[in-house]
Amino acid sequence: MQLTMKAIISGVVPLLLAMHCRLVPGKPLLRNRRNLMCDNIGPCGETVFNQIKCQVTRLNLSAPGLFDAYLESQGSPFNRAEVKSLCVSKDTFPSFNNWTRKEMLISLYKIFTFFNASLGNITRDQENNDRKDLLERLSNTTAKTRGLLANLTCLLCSEYKVTDVKVTYGSEETGAFEKKKQGCWALRMYTETIPLIAQALGKCHRQR
């Protein structure tokens, strides 16, 4: 379903993003008539694109560990050998393109908005998991993803005057095993996609 994400205020992803980014069929994430995506967005500063590079670099480095922790905590038959046959979905993960910088930023916004919603669902479904390292990795990845979304929104709004981005969301599964499969698929696609993004963005220049 096609939904419009209208979410980041004052350069910081608000609590609404965490509360409402659940893949619930038939329900828009935010029903406000006003476009809130660019409300109160000011100039981003000269280093924001480099900040995005650095945020993606950190997410890329942590992605394999998150995926492995997820697989290890789900039990049989979830393992690396079965990933391609088991971790599949009828949904479509947002594609990445880098034809122009503007199109690249829009595709990044779609990918990480989708992924942030998926992280919310995975975290909710794993709340009773005894593997605290998985929950910690999920929490850290969520925080980094929201920070990245804040910078992407700032750049899209202030420099490229993009005020509305349509994001395609997947369906929410109901059974415990199907939820595990959906979470595995989302993390698999993320882990396969983010190295391509990091490579396209280029080297992160550490700030002194």
Foldseek 3Di string as FASTA:
>chain_A
DKEWDQADELLFGDVLLLVQLAQAPPDHSDDDPDRNLCYNQDADDDCLLLVLLVLLVVCLVCLVVLLQLLQVQPDPPRDPVCLVVQQDDPDDQQDADPPDVLSRLLSLLQNLSQLLSLLSLVLVLCVVGPPVVNNVSSVVSNVSSRSSNSSSSSCCCPPVVDRIHMHDYDHQDDDSSVSSSPSSNSSVVCNVPSVVVSVVSDDRDDDD
